[in-house]
Amino acid sequence: MTFLVSEANKQRSEVRISNLNPQDRKLFEAAKAKEIDSWLSTETVCRILRNKVPRENVMRCRWILTLEGGK
């Protein structure tokens, strides 16, 4: 089963850090830190010095931040 979300709905659900108040920014930063700690503890990722990895082996990514409950 596949679900498609219209571009308009995606725009409404994704949060922009720059639009948040300082309290909500802190909550999102804490959630991101918790997620990274989880990746490290499960060995999904590991810490490594940036200069130890060839640039072409670095995967670019970004956080997709959303609010629960349609806030």
Protein backbone atom coordinates (compact mmCIF):
# COMPACT_ATOMS: atom_id res chain seq x y z
CA MET A 1 0.00 0.00 0.00
CA THR A 2 1.35 3.42 -0.90
CA PHE A 3 0.21 6.82 0.29
CA LEU A 4 0.92 10.07 -1.48
CA VAL A 5 0.82 13.44 0.22
CA SER A 6 0.17 16.52 -1.82
CA GLU A 7 2.87 19.18 -1.86
CA ALA A 8 0.50 21.53 0.00
CA ASN A 9 0.03 19.02 2.83
CA LYS A 10 3.77 18.39 3.10
CA GLN A 11 4.34 22.13 3.38
CA ARG A 12 1.89 22.35 6.28
CA SER A 13 3.31 19.43 8.22
CA GLU A 14 7.03 20.22 8.01
CA VAL A 15 8.34 22.58 10.69
CA ARG A 16 10.86 25.32 9.97
CA ILE A 17 13.16 25.99 12.91
CA SER A 18 13.27 29.70 12.01
CA ASN A 19 9.48 29.93 12.57
CA LEU A 20 9.57 28.46 16.09
CA ASN A 21 9.72 30.27 19.39
CA PRO A 22 12.83 29.70 21.55
CA GLN A 23 11.06 27.16 23.78
CA ASP A 24 9.98 24.99 20.83
CA ARG A 25 13.45 25.28 19.27
CA LYS A 26 14.94 23.85 22.47
CA LEU A 27 12.44 20.98 22.37
CA PHE A 28 13.37 20.14 18.77
CA GLU A 29 17.10 20.33 19.56
CA ALA A 30 16.59 17.97 22.52
CA ALA A 31 14.62 15.55 20.31
CA LYS A 32 17.38 15.58 17.68
CA ALA A 33 20.05 14.96 20.34
CA LYS A 34 17.99 12.05 21.72
CA GLU A 35 17.72 10.56 18.22
CA ILE A 36 21.48 10.84 17.63
CA ASP A 37 22.19 9.26 21.04
CA SER A 38 19.91 6.39 20.04
CA TRP A 39 21.80 5.90 16.74
CA LEU A 40 25.10 5.86 18.63
CA SER A 41 23.92 3.45 21.35
CA THR A 42 22.54 0.97 18.79
CA GLU A 43 25.68 1.37 16.66
CA THR A 44 23.61 2.50 13.70
CA VAL A 45 26.26 5.19 13.29
CA CYS A 46 29.60 5.86 14.90
CA ARG A 47 31.65 8.96 15.54
CA ILE A 48 34.58 9.54 13.22
CA LEU A 49 36.77 12.49 12.37
CA ARG A 50 35.60 14.23 9.22
CA ASN A 51 39.05 14.09 7.61
CA LYS A 52 39.15 10.28 8.01
CA VAL A 53 36.35 9.73 5.48
CA PRO A 54 36.71 10.45 1.75
CA ARG A 55 34.33 13.24 0.77
CA GLU A 56 32.59 11.02 -1.82
CA ASN A 57 31.67 8.55 0.96
CA VAL A 58 29.80 11.12 3.04
CA MET A 59 26.03 10.86 2.71
CA ARG A 60 24.23 14.18 2.84
CA CYS A 61 21.00 14.32 4.78
CA ARG A 62 18.64 16.72 6.50
CA TRP A 63 16.22 16.61 9.37
CA ILE A 64 12.51 16.48 8.54
CA LEU A 65 10.86 18.04 11.56
CA THR A 66 7.13 17.71 12.16
CA LEU A 67 4.73 18.40 15.01
CA GLU A 68 2.59 15.63 16.46
CA GLY A 69 -1.15 15.97 16.71
CA GLY A 70 -1.50 18.56 13.95
CA LYS A 71 -0.25 21.48 16.05
